[in-house]
Amino acid sequence: MENLIEELTAKNKEYIHSVTKQLILVGKSDEEVKEILNDILPQIIEGQKSGIIARKLLGAPTEFVAQYQPKVADRPVSEKNENPVLMWLDSSLLFLGFISLLNGVTALITS
C-alpha cells in the first residue's frame, strides 16, 4: 500500500488523506480503512495514468465515505392513540390550562 501511495500525484494524495480522515470520523478501524484504500488505490492510479484525478473518479471524499457509513435503522413510528376518551381528556386539559392562564393574567391586571 505504501508503494501505491508513493505513485500518487499531490492532489490524489490529498484526496486519500481526506478520505482517510472521513473514514475515521465515521468510525472505521485502521484495518477497515486499509482494506478500503487497498480497493481504491489501483483505480486511482489507473485513472491517474489517463489524467483523471481521484475526485472525478470517485466523487468528493464525503460522498465516497457515505457508502461506508453504517446505516441508521429507521425508528418504528409510534402508534397514534386514537382512543376518544383520551383525546377528549387531552383537549379538556388544554382548554382548562388556557382558561387558568387567562384567569391568572386577568387577576394580575385588575389588582
PDB file of N, CA and C in Angstrom:
ATOM      1  N   MET A   1       0.837  -1.195   0.000  1.00  0.00           N
ATOM      2  CA  MET A   1       0.000   0.000   0.000  1.00  0.00           C
ATOM      3  C   MET A   1       0.875   1.248   0.000  1.00  0.00           C
ATOM      4  N   GLU A   2       1.966   1.225   0.759  1.00  0.00           N
ATOM      5  CA  GLU A   2       2.866   2.378   0.826  1.00  0.00           C
ATOM      6  C   GLU A   2       3.425   2.696  -0.558  1.00  0.00           C
ATOM      7  N   ASN A   3       3.746   1.641  -1.330  1.00  0.00           N
ATOM      8  CA  ASN A   3       4.290   1.849  -2.673  1.00  0.00           C
ATOM      9  C   ASN A   3       3.257   2.504  -3.577  1.00  0.00           C
ATOM     10  N   LEU A   4       2.006   2.103  -3.405  1.00  0.00           N
ATOM     11  CA  LEU A   4       0.947   2.670  -4.236  1.00  0.00           C
ATOM     12  C   LEU A   4       0.733   4.147  -3.926  1.00  0.00           C
ATOM     13  N   ILE A   5       0.829   4.509  -2.663  1.00  0.00           N
ATOM     14  CA  ILE A   5       0.628   5.905  -2.273  1.00  0.00           C
ATOM     15  C   ILE A   5       1.749   6.768  -2.835  1.00  0.00           C
ATOM     16  N   GLU A   6       2.955   6.219  -2.910  1.00  0.00           N
ATOM     17  CA  GLU A   6       4.085   6.968  -3.457  1.00  0.00           C
ATOM     18  C   GLU A   6       3.871   7.320  -4.927  1.00  0.00           C
ATOM     19  N   GLU A   7       3.099   6.509  -5.644  1.00  0.00           N
ATOM     20  CA  GLU A   7       2.860   6.738  -7.067  1.00  0.00           C
ATOM     21  C   GLU A   7       1.830   7.830  -7.333  1.00  0.00           C
ATOM     22  N   LEU A   8       1.122   8.265  -6.302  1.00  0.00           N
ATOM     23  CA  LEU A   8       0.042   9.244  -6.475  1.00  0.00           C
ATOM     24  C   LEU A   8       0.571  10.652  -6.674  1.00  0.00           C
ATOM     25  N   THR A   9      -0.216  11.450  -7.375  1.00  0.00           N
ATOM     26  CA  THR A   9       0.103  12.867  -7.512  1.00  0.00           C
ATOM     27  C   THR A   9      -0.270  13.579  -6.215  1.00  0.00           C
ATOM     28  N   ALA A  10       0.124  14.829  -6.085  1.00  0.00           N
ATOM     29  CA  ALA A  10      -0.142  15.592  -4.862  1.00  0.00           C
ATOM     30  C   ALA A  10      -1.647  15.714  -4.603  1.00  0.00           C
ATOM     31  N   LYS A  11      -2.417  15.985  -5.648  1.00  0.00           N
ATOM     32  CA  LYS A  11      -3.881  16.118  -5.481  1.00  0.00           C
ATOM     33  C   LYS A  11      -4.495  14.804  -5.020  1.00  0.00           C
ATOM     34  N   ASN A  12      -4.042  13.704  -5.608  1.00  0.00           N
ATOM     35  CA  ASN A  12      -4.594  12.405  -5.233  1.00  0.00           C
ATOM     36  C   ASN A  12      -4.171  12.003  -3.823  1.00  0.00           C
ATOM     37  N   LYS A  13      -2.949  12.381  -3.416  1.00  0.00           N
ATOM     38  CA  LYS A  13      -2.518  12.121  -2.034  1.00  0.00           C
ATOM     39  C   LYS A  13      -3.405  12.896  -1.063  1.00  0.00           C
ATOM     40  N   GLU A  14      -3.703  14.130  -1.426  1.00  0.00           N
ATOM     41  CA  GLU A  14      -4.580  14.948  -0.589  1.00  0.00           C
ATOM     42  C   GLU A  14      -5.969  14.317  -0.498  1.00  0.00           C
ATOM     43  N   TYR A  15      -6.464  13.793  -1.607  1.00  0.00           N
ATOM     44  CA  TYR A  15      -7.766  13.121  -1.625  1.00  0.00           C
ATOM     45  C   TYR A  15      -7.749  11.901  -0.699  1.00  0.00           C
ATOM     46  N   ILE A  16      -6.708  11.085  -0.783  1.00  0.00           N
ATOM     47  CA  ILE A  16      -6.595   9.890   0.075  1.00  0.00           C
ATOM     48  C   ILE A  16      -6.539  10.304   1.535  1.00  0.00           C
ATOM     49  N   HIS A  17      -5.821  11.385   1.824  1.00  0.00           N
ATOM     50  CA  HIS A  17      -5.754  11.883   3.200  1.00  0.00           C
ATOM     51  C   HIS A  17      -7.150  12.289   3.694  1.00  0.00           C
ATOM     52  N   SER A  18      -7.893  12.996   2.852  1.00  0.00           N
ATOM     53  CA  SER A  18      -9.249  13.421   3.227  1.00  0.00           C
ATOM     54  C   SER A  18     -10.170  12.221   3.431  1.00  0.00           C
ATOM     55  N   VAL A  19     -10.081  11.244   2.537  1.00  0.00           N
ATOM     56  CA  VAL A  19     -10.916  10.044   2.658  1.00  0.00           C
ATOM     57  C   VAL A  19     -10.582   9.300   3.944  1.00  0.00           C
ATOM     58  N   THR A  20      -9.290   9.197   4.251  1.00  0.00           N
ATOM     59  CA  THR A  20      -8.875   8.503   5.473  1.00  0.00           C
ATOM     60  C   THR A  20      -9.444   9.197   6.705  1.00  0.00           C
ATOM     61  N   LYS A  21      -9.354  10.533   6.742  1.00  0.00           N
ATOM     62  CA  LYS A  21      -9.909  11.273   7.884  1.00  0.00           C
ATOM     63  C   LYS A  21     -11.412  11.049   7.998  1.00  0.00           C
ATOM     64  N   GLN A  22     -12.111  11.093   6.867  1.00  0.00           N
ATOM     65  CA  GLN A  22     -13.563  10.903   6.883  1.00  0.00           C
ATOM     66  C   GLN A  22     -13.929   9.495   7.356  1.00  0.00           C
ATOM     67  N   LEU A  23     -13.176   8.500   6.906  1.00  0.00           N
ATOM     68  CA  LEU A  23     -13.454   7.120   7.323  1.00  0.00           C
ATOM     69  C   LEU A  23     -13.257   6.948   8.827  1.00  0.00           C
ATOM     70  N   ILE A  24     -12.239   7.600   9.359  1.00  0.00           N
ATOM     71  CA  ILE A  24     -12.005   7.518  10.805  1.00  0.00           C
ATOM     72  C   ILE A  24     -13.133   8.216  11.555  1.00  0.00           C
ATOM     73  N   LEU A  25     -13.612   9.348  11.022  1.00  0.00           N
ATOM     74  CA  LEU A  25     -14.731  10.049  11.660  1.00  0.00           C
ATOM     75  C   LEU A  25     -16.002   9.215  11.653  1.00  0.00           C
ATOM     76  N   VAL A  26     -16.167   8.404  10.608  1.00  0.00           N
ATOM     77  CA  VAL A  26     -17.354   7.548  10.514  1.00  0.00           C
ATOM     78  C   VAL A  26     -17.270   6.393  11.512  1.00  0.00           C
ATOM     79  N   GLY A  27     -16.042   6.082  11.951  1.00  0.00           N
ATOM     80  CA  GLY A  27     -15.887   5.033  12.955  1.00  0.00           C
ATOM     81  C   GLY A  27     -15.245   3.763  12.424  1.00  0.00           C
ATOM     82  N   LYS A  28     -14.584   3.845  11.296  1.00  0.00           N
ATOM     83  CA  LYS A  28     -13.927   2.660  10.743  1.00  0.00           C
ATOM     84  C   LYS A  28     -12.606   2.429  11.467  1.00  0.00           C
ATOM     85  N   SER A  29     -12.250   1.161  11.654  1.00  0.00           N
ATOM     86  CA  SER A  29     -10.981   0.811  12.296  1.00  0.00           C
ATOM     87  C   SER A  29      -9.843   0.957  11.295  1.00  0.00           C
ATOM     88  N   ASP A  30      -8.617   0.870  11.776  1.00  0.00           N
ATOM     89  CA  ASP A  30      -7.448   1.004  10.898  1.00  0.00           C
ATOM     90  C   ASP A  30      -7.433  -0.085   9.832  1.00  0.00           C
ATOM     91  N   GLU A  31      -7.802  -1.301  10.209  1.00  0.00           N
ATOM     92  CA  GLU A  31      -7.818  -2.404   9.243  1.00  0.00           C
ATOM     93  C   GLU A  31      -8.856  -2.153   8.150  1.00  0.00           C
ATOM     94  N   GLU A  32     -10.020  -1.671   8.555  1.00  0.00           N
ATOM     95  CA  GLU A  32     -11.072  -1.388   7.575  1.00  0.00           C
ATOM     96  C   GLU A  32     -10.651  -0.264   6.634  1.00  0.00           C
ATOM     97  N   VAL A  33      -9.979   0.755   7.176  1.00  0.00           N
ATOM     98  CA  VAL A  33      -9.504   1.864   6.341  1.00  0.00           C
ATOM     99  C   VAL A  33      -8.475   1.354   5.341  1.00  0.00           C
ATOM    100  N   LYS A  34      -7.539   0.534   5.810  1.00  0.00           N
ATOM    101  CA  LYS A  34      -6.515  -0.018   4.910  1.00  0.00           C
ATOM    102  C   LYS A  34      -7.144  -0.878   3.823  1.00  0.00           C
ATOM    103  N   GLU A  35      -8.155  -1.650   4.197  1.00  0.00           N
ATOM    104  CA  GLU A  35      -8.835  -2.504   3.220  1.00  0.00           C
ATOM    105  C   GLU A  35      -9.530  -1.660   2.142  1.00  0.00           C
ATOM    106  N   ILE A  36     -10.205  -0.602   2.568  1.00  0.00           N
ATOM    107  CA  ILE A  36     -10.891   0.278   1.622  1.00  0.00           C
ATOM    108  C   ILE A  36      -9.874   0.966   0.713  1.00  0.00           C
ATOM    109  N   LEU A  37      -8.780   1.445   1.304  1.00  0.00           N
ATOM    110  CA  LEU A  37      -7.756   2.112   0.499  1.00  0.00           C
ATOM    111  C   LEU A  37      -7.100   1.141  -0.475  1.00  0.00           C
ATOM    112  N   ASN A  38      -6.890  -0.097  -0.056  1.00  0.00           N
ATOM    113  CA  ASN A  38      -6.327  -1.100  -0.966  1.00  0.00           C
ATOM    114  C   ASN A  38      -7.255  -1.356  -2.149  1.00  0.00           C
ATOM    115  N   ASP A  39      -8.552  -1.210  -1.931  1.00  0.00           N
ATOM    116  CA  ASP A  39      -9.520  -1.393  -3.024  1.00  0.00           C
ATOM    117  C   ASP A  39      -9.502  -0.234  -4.009  1.00  0.00           C
ATOM    118  N   ILE A  40      -9.345   0.993  -3.507  1.00  0.00           N
ATOM    119  CA  ILE A  40      -9.477   2.154  -4.395  1.00  0.00           C
ATOM    120  C   ILE A  40      -8.159   2.651  -4.981  1.00  0.00           C
ATOM    121  N   LEU A  41      -7.032   2.353  -4.339  1.00  0.00           N
ATOM    122  CA  LEU A  41      -5.752   2.862  -4.847  1.00  0.00           C
ATOM    123  C   LEU A  41      -5.438   2.402  -6.269  1.00  0.00           C
ATOM    124  N   PRO A  42      -5.650   1.131  -6.620  1.00  0.00           N
ATOM    125  CA  PRO A  42      -5.394   0.746  -8.021  1.00  0.00           C
ATOM    126  C   PRO A  42      -6.283   1.505  -9.014  1.00  0.00           C
ATOM    127  N   GLN A  43      -7.536   1.752  -8.641  1.00  0.00           N
ATOM    128  CA  GLN A  43      -8.434   2.516  -9.513  1.00  0.00           C
ATOM    129  C   GLN A  43      -7.914   3.933  -9.708  1.00  0.00           C
ATOM    130  N   ILE A  44      -7.451   4.541  -8.621  1.00  0.00           N
ATOM    131  CA  ILE A  44      -6.962   5.912  -8.694  1.00  0.00           C
ATOM    132  C   ILE A  44      -5.713   5.984  -9.565  1.00  0.00           C
ATOM    133  N   ILE A  45      -4.816   5.004  -9.406  1.00  0.00           N
ATOM    134  CA  ILE A  45      -3.576   5.004 -10.186  1.00  0.00           C
ATOM    135  C   ILE A  45      -3.885   4.809 -11.671  1.00  0.00           C
ATOM    136  N   GLU A  46      -4.839   3.935 -11.982  1.00  0.00           N
ATOM    137  CA  GLU A  46      -5.243   3.741 -13.382  1.00  0.00           C
ATOM    138  C   GLU A  46      -5.834   5.028 -13.962  1.00  0.00           C
ATOM    139  N   GLY A  47      -6.680   5.690 -13.189  1.00  0.00           N
ATOM    140  CA  GLY A  47      -7.266   6.947 -13.631  1.00  0.00           C
ATOM    141  C   GLY A  47      -6.219   8.036 -13.774  1.00  0.00           C
ATOM    142  N   GLN A  48      -5.245   8.007 -12.894  1.00  0.00           N
ATOM    143  CA  GLN A  48      -4.175   8.995 -12.910  1.00  0.00           C
ATOM    144  C   GLN A  48      -3.357   8.893 -14.202  1.00  0.00           C
ATOM    145  N   LYS A  49      -3.190   7.676 -14.697  1.00  0.00           N
ATOM    146  CA  LYS A  49      -2.449   7.470 -15.947  1.00  0.00           C
ATOM    147  C   LYS A  49      -3.185   8.124 -17.122  1.00  0.00           C
ATOM    148  N   SER A  50      -4.511   8.182 -17.010  1.00  0.00           N
ATOM    149  CA  SER A  50      -5.325   8.800 -18.068  1.00  0.00           C
ATOM    150  C   SER A  50      -5.543  10.289 -17.825  1.00  0.00           C
ATOM    151  N   GLY A  51      -5.014  10.800 -16.719  1.00  0.00           N
ATOM    152  CA  GLY A  51      -5.174  12.216 -16.404  1.00  0.00           C
ATOM    153  C   GLY A  51      -6.432  12.519 -15.607  1.00  0.00           C
ATOM    154  N   ILE A  52      -7.086  11.495 -15.079  1.00  0.00           N
ATOM    155  CA  ILE A  52      -8.305  11.691 -14.287  1.00  0.00           C
ATOM    156  C   ILE A  52      -7.921  11.701 -12.811  1.00  0.00           C
ATOM    157  N   ILE A  53      -8.314  12.754 -12.093  1.00  0.00           N
ATOM    158  CA  ILE A  53      -7.994  12.823 -10.668  1.00  0.00           C
ATOM    159  C   ILE A  53      -9.006  12.003  -9.877  1.00  0.00           C
ATOM    160  N   ALA A  54      -8.636  11.676  -8.652  1.00  0.00           N
ATOM    161  CA  ALA A  54      -9.459  10.805  -7.805  1.00  0.00           C
ATOM    162  C   ALA A  54     -10.825  11.424  -7.518  1.00  0.00           C
ATOM    163  N   ARG A  55     -10.872  12.723  -7.360  1.00  0.00           N
ATOM    164  CA  ARG A  55     -12.148  13.384  -7.054  1.00  0.00           C
ATOM    165  C   ARG A  55     -13.149  13.176  -8.181  1.00  0.00           C
ATOM    166  N   LYS A  56     -12.689  13.227  -9.429  1.00  0.00           N
ATOM    167  CA  LYS A  56     -13.590  12.984 -10.562  1.00  0.00           C
ATOM    168  C   LYS A  56     -13.964  11.518 -10.654  1.00  0.00           C
ATOM    169  N   LEU A  57     -13.023  10.661 -10.322  1.00  0.00           N
ATOM    170  CA  LEU A  57     -13.236   9.227 -10.438  1.00  0.00           C
ATOM    171  C   LEU A  57     -14.198   8.695  -9.378  1.00  0.00           C
ATOM    172  N   LEU A  58     -13.999   9.126  -8.130  1.00  0.00           N
ATOM    173  CA  LEU A  58     -14.769   8.576  -7.012  1.00  0.00           C
ATOM    174  C   LEU A  58     -15.754   9.552  -6.392  1.00  0.00           C
ATOM    175  N   GLY A  59     -15.671  10.821  -6.742  1.00  0.00           N
ATOM    176  CA  GLY A  59     -16.541  11.824  -6.134  1.00  0.00           C
ATOM    177  C   GLY A  59     -15.846  12.484  -4.957  1.00  0.00           C
ATOM    178  N   ALA A  60     -16.522  13.422  -4.340  1.00  0.00           N
ATOM    179  CA  ALA A  60     -15.969  14.126  -3.182  1.00  0.00           C
ATOM    180  C   ALA A  60     -15.735  13.136  -2.042  1.00  0.00           C
ATOM    181  N   PRO A  61     -14.748  13.407  -1.180  1.00  0.00           N
ATOM    182  CA  PRO A  61     -14.459  12.469  -0.080  1.00  0.00           C
ATOM    183  C   PRO A  61     -15.679  12.152   0.792  1.00  0.00           C
ATOM    184  N   THR A  62     -16.489  13.172   1.092  1.00  0.00           N
ATOM    185  CA  THR A  62     -17.660  12.914   1.937  1.00  0.00           C
ATOM    186  C   THR A  62     -18.682  12.039   1.217  1.00  0.00           C
ATOM    187  N   GLU A  63     -18.835  12.253  -0.095  1.00  0.00           N
ATOM    188  CA  GLU A  63     -19.757  11.415  -0.870  1.00  0.00           C
ATOM    189  C   GLU A  63     -19.252   9.981  -0.949  1.00  0.00           C
ATOM    190  N   PHE A  64     -17.941   9.827  -1.139  1.00  0.00           N
ATOM    191  CA  PHE A  64     -17.360   8.495  -1.240  1.00  0.00           C
ATOM    192  C   PHE A  64     -17.509   7.740   0.076  1.00  0.00           C
ATOM    193  N   VAL A  65     -17.258   8.417   1.185  1.00  0.00           N
ATOM    194  CA  VAL A  65     -17.313   7.780   2.504  1.00  0.00           C
ATOM    195  C   VAL A  65     -18.750   7.457   2.901  1.00  0.00           C
ATOM    196  N   ALA A  66     -19.713   8.177   2.343  1.00  0.00           N
ATOM    197  CA  ALA A  66     -21.120   7.950   2.697  1.00  0.00           C
ATOM    198  C   ALA A  66     -21.548   6.515   2.418  1.00  0.00           C
ATOM    199  N   GLN A  67     -20.961   5.879   1.421  1.00  0.00           N
ATOM    200  CA  GLN A  67     -21.340   4.496   1.128  1.00  0.00           C
ATOM    201  C   GLN A  67     -20.814   3.512   2.169  1.00  0.00           C
ATOM    202  N   TYR A  68     -19.846   3.924   2.963  1.00  0.00           N
ATOM    203  CA  TYR A  68     -19.293   3.063   4.005  1.00  0.00           C
ATOM    204  C   TYR A  68     -19.853   3.394   5.382  1.00  0.00           C
ATOM    205  N   GLN A  69     -20.706   4.394   5.445  1.00  0.00           N
ATOM    206  CA  GLN A  69     -21.301   4.763   6.718  1.00  0.00           C
ATOM    207  C   GLN A  69     -22.297   3.706   7.144  1.00  0.00           C
ATOM    208  N   PRO A  70     -22.322   3.386   8.442  1.00  0.00           N
ATOM    209  CA  PRO A  70     -23.316   2.414   8.898  1.00  0.00           C
ATOM    210  C   PRO A  70     -24.722   2.982   8.721  1.00  0.00           C
ATOM    211  N   LYS A  71     -25.602   2.142   8.259  1.00  0.00           N
ATOM    212  CA  LYS A  71     -26.983   2.566   8.030  1.00  0.00           C
ATOM    213  C   LYS A  71     -27.686   2.720   9.372  1.00  0.00           C
ATOM    214  N   VAL A  72     -28.386   3.832   9.508  1.00  0.00           N
ATOM    215  CA  VAL A  72     -29.158   4.083  10.715  1.00  0.00           C
ATOM    216  C   VAL A  72     -30.511   3.422  10.521  1.00  0.00           C
ATOM    217  N   ALA A  73     -30.830   2.523  11.419  1.00  0.00           N
ATOM    218  CA  ALA A  73     -32.113   1.835  11.308  1.00  0.00           C
ATOM    219  C   ALA A  73     -33.243   2.831  11.515  1.00  0.00           C
ATOM    220  N   ASP A  74     -34.219   2.727  10.666  1.00  0.00           N
ATOM    221  CA  ASP A  74     -35.373   3.600  10.808  1.00  0.00           C
ATOM    222  C   ASP A  74     -36.109   3.251  12.090  1.00  0.00           C
ATOM    223  N   ARG A  75     -36.371   4.278  12.867  1.00  0.00           N
ATOM    224  CA  ARG A  75     -37.099   4.035  14.101  1.00  0.00           C
ATOM    225  C   ARG A  75     -38.550   3.720  13.761  1.00  0.00           C
ATOM    226  N   PRO A  76     -39.117   2.744  14.434  1.00  0.00           N
ATOM    227  CA  PRO A  76     -40.520   2.454  14.165  1.00  0.00           C
ATOM    228  C   PRO A  76     -41.388   3.632  14.606  1.00  0.00           C
ATOM    229  N   VAL A  77     -42.352   3.930  13.805  1.00  0.00           N
ATOM    230  CA  VAL A  77     -43.262   5.026  14.117  1.00  0.00           C
ATOM    231  C   VAL A  77     -44.163   4.577  15.260  1.00  0.00           C
ATOM    232  N   SER A  78     -44.203   5.407  16.295  1.00  0.00           N
ATOM    233  CA  SER A  78     -45.048   5.039  17.424  1.00  0.00           C
ATOM    234  C   SER A  78     -46.512   5.117  17.004  1.00  0.00           C
ATOM    235  N   GLU A  79     -47.268   4.218  17.538  1.00  0.00           N
ATOM    236  CA  GLU A  79     -48.684   4.180  17.181  1.00  0.00           C
ATOM    237  C   GLU A  79     -49.390   5.400  17.753  1.00  0.00           C
ATOM    238  N   LYS A  80     -50.281   5.947  16.980  1.00  0.00           N
ATOM    239  CA  LYS A  80     -51.047   7.083  17.450  1.00  0.00           C
ATOM    240  C   LYS A  80     -52.193   6.569  18.301  1.00  0.00           C
ATOM    241  N   ASN A  81     -52.434   7.303  19.350  1.00  0.00           N
ATOM    242  CA  ASN A  81     -53.516   6.921  20.238  1.00  0.00           C
ATOM    243  C   ASN A  81     -54.796   7.584  19.743  1.00  0.00           C
ATOM    244  N   GLU A  82     -55.720   6.784  19.281  1.00  0.00           N
ATOM    245  CA  GLU A  82     -56.974   7.327  18.768  1.00  0.00           C
ATOM    246  C   GLU A  82     -58.156   6.986  19.672  1.00  0.00           C
ATOM    247  N   ASN A  83     -57.860   6.731  20.931  1.00  0.00           N
ATOM    248  CA  ASN A  83     -58.908   6.449  21.895  1.00  0.00           C
ATOM    249  C   ASN A  83     -59.681   7.749  22.151  1.00  0.00           C
ATOM    250  N   PRO A  84     -60.991   7.781  21.892  1.00  0.00           N
ATOM    251  CA  PRO A  84     -61.756   9.023  22.035  1.00  0.00           C
ATOM    252  C   PRO A  84     -61.742   9.590  23.454  1.00  0.00           C
ATOM    253  N   VAL A  85     -61.698   8.748  24.454  1.00  0.00           N
ATOM    254  CA  VAL A  85     -61.706   9.235  25.836  1.00  0.00           C
ATOM    255  C   VAL A  85     -60.419  10.010  26.117  1.00  0.00           C
ATOM    256  N   LEU A  86     -59.285   9.462  25.678  1.00  0.00           N
ATOM    257  CA  LEU A  86     -58.011  10.150  25.911  1.00  0.00           C
ATOM    258  C   LEU A  86     -57.903  11.427  25.075  1.00  0.00           C
ATOM    259  N   MET A  87     -58.457  11.415  23.889  1.00  0.00           N
ATOM    260  CA  MET A  87     -58.452  12.620  23.061  1.00  0.00           C
ATOM    261  C   MET A  87     -59.301  13.713  23.720  1.00  0.00           C
ATOM    262  N   TRP A  88     -60.435  13.337  24.282  1.00  0.00           N
ATOM    263  CA  TRP A  88     -61.299  14.281  24.970  1.00  0.00           C
ATOM    264  C   TRP A  88     -60.586  14.831  26.205  1.00  0.00           C
ATOM    265  N   LEU A  89     -59.933  13.943  26.973  1.00  0.00           N
ATOM    266  CA  LEU A  89     -59.219  14.355  28.177  1.00  0.00           C
ATOM    267  C   LEU A  89     -58.100  15.344  27.826  1.00  0.00           C
ATOM    268  N   ASP A  90     -57.351  15.053  26.772  1.00  0.00           N
ATOM    269  CA  ASP A  90     -56.266  15.923  26.344  1.00  0.00           C
ATOM    270  C   ASP A  90     -56.798  17.308  25.966  1.00  0.00           C
ATOM    271  N   SER A  91     -57.863  17.343  25.189  1.00  0.00           N
ATOM    272  CA  SER A  91     -58.449  18.625  24.782  1.00  0.00           C
ATOM    273  C   SER A  91     -58.988  19.389  25.983  1.00  0.00           C
ATOM    274  N   SER A  92     -59.619  18.681  26.898  1.00  0.00           N
ATOM    275  CA  SER A  92     -60.193  19.337  28.083  1.00  0.00           C
ATOM    276  C   SER A  92     -59.101  19.937  28.952  1.00  0.00           C
ATOM    277  N   LEU A  93     -58.002  19.203  29.156  1.00  0.00           N
ATOM    278  CA  LEU A  93     -56.910  19.717  29.979  1.00  0.00           C
ATOM    279  C   LEU A  93     -56.236  20.916  29.309  1.00  0.00           C
ATOM    280  N   LEU A  94     -56.103  20.883  28.002  1.00  0.00           N
ATOM    281  CA  LEU A  94     -55.531  22.017  27.293  1.00  0.00           C
ATOM    282  C   LEU A  94     -56.430  23.244  27.439  1.00  0.00           C
ATOM    283  N   PHE A  95     -57.719  23.058  27.270  1.00  0.00           N
ATOM    284  CA  PHE A  95     -58.672  24.156  27.406  1.00  0.00           C
ATOM    285  C   PHE A  95     -58.678  24.696  28.836  1.00  0.00           C
ATOM    286  N   LEU A  96     -58.649  23.801  29.830  1.00  0.00           N
ATOM    287  CA  LEU A  96     -58.637  24.202  31.239  1.00  0.00           C
ATOM    288  C   LEU A  96     -57.364  24.993  31.551  1.00  0.00           C
ATOM    289  N   GLY A  97     -56.227  24.553  31.001  1.00  0.00           N
ATOM    290  CA  GLY A  97     -54.964  25.281  31.207  1.00  0.00           C
ATOM    291  C   GLY A  97     -55.012  26.669  30.603  1.00  0.00           C
ATOM    292  N   PHE A  98     -55.593  26.787  29.420  1.00  0.00           N
ATOM    293  CA  PHE A  98     -55.718  28.089  28.774  1.00  0.00           C
ATOM    294  C   PHE A  98     -56.611  29.019  29.592  1.00  0.00           C
ATOM    295  N   ILE A  99     -57.732  28.502  30.063  1.00  0.00           N
ATOM    296  CA  ILE A  99     -58.652  29.318  30.882  1.00  0.00           C
ATOM    297  C   ILE A  99     -57.962  29.750  32.168  1.00  0.00           C
ATOM    298  N   SER A 100     -57.193  28.838  32.806  1.00  0.00           N
ATOM    299  CA  SER A 100     -56.481  29.179  34.045  1.00  0.00           C
ATOM    300  C   SER A 100     -55.433  30.261  33.791  1.00  0.00           C
ATOM    301  N   LEU A 101     -54.713  30.167  32.696  1.00  0.00           N
ATOM    302  CA  LEU A 101     -53.718  31.168  32.344  1.00  0.00           C
ATOM    303  C   LEU A 101     -54.390  32.524  32.109  1.00  0.00           C
ATOM    304  N   LEU A 102     -55.483  32.508  31.389  1.00  0.00           N
ATOM    305  CA  LEU A 102     -56.221  33.744  31.115  1.00  0.00           C
ATOM    306  C   LEU A 102     -56.741  34.354  32.423  1.00  0.00           C
ATOM    307  N   ASN A 103     -57.229  33.514  33.311  1.00  0.00           N
ATOM    308  CA  ASN A 103     -57.751  33.966  34.598  1.00  0.00           C
ATOM    309  C   ASN A 103     -56.619  34.577  35.438  1.00  0.00           C
ATOM    310  N   GLY A 104     -55.430  33.955  35.407  1.00  0.00           N
ATOM    311  CA  GLY A 104     -54.296  34.482  36.169  1.00  0.00           C
ATOM    312  C   GLY A 104     -53.823  35.824  35.644  1.00  0.00           C
ATOM    313  N   VAL A 105     -53.755  35.971  34.336  1.00  0.00           N
ATOM    314  CA  VAL A 105     -53.338  37.240  33.725  1.00  0.00           C
ATOM    315  C   VAL A 105     -54.370  38.326  34.056  1.00  0.00           C
ATOM    316  N   THR A 106     -55.630  37.977  33.997  1.00  0.00           N
ATOM    317  CA  THR A 106     -56.684  38.959  34.324  1.00  0.00           C
ATOM    318  C   THR A 106     -56.596  39.387  35.774  1.00  0.00           C
ATOM    319  N   ALA A 107     -56.302  38.450  36.665  1.00  0.00           N
ATOM    320  CA  ALA A 107     -56.192  38.766  38.089  1.00  0.00           C
ATOM    321  C   ALA A 107     -55.001  39.698  38.356  1.00  0.00           C
ATOM    322  N   LEU A 108     -53.887  39.504  37.638  1.00  0.00           N
ATOM    323  CA  LEU A 108     -52.721  40.365  37.788  1.00  0.00           C
ATOM    324  C   LEU A 108     -53.015  41.789  37.300  1.00  0.00           C
ATOM    325  N   ILE A 109     -53.745  41.880  36.231  1.00  0.00           N
ATOM    326  CA  ILE A 109     -54.022  43.197  35.643  1.00  0.00           C
ATOM    327  C   ILE A 109     -54.994  43.989  36.518  1.00  0.00           C
ATOM    328  N   THR A 110     -56.007  43.342  37.059  1.00  0.00           N
ATOM    329  CA  THR A 110     -57.054  44.049  37.796  1.00  0.00           C
ATOM    330  C   THR A 110     -56.647  44.375  39.227  1.00  0.00           C
ATOM    331  N   SER A 111     -55.658  43.746  39.789  1.00  0.00           N
ATOM    332  CA  SER A 111     -55.336  44.040  41.186  1.00  0.00           C
ATOM    333  C   SER A 111     -54.233  45.036  41.369  1.00  0.00           C
TER     334      SER A 111
END
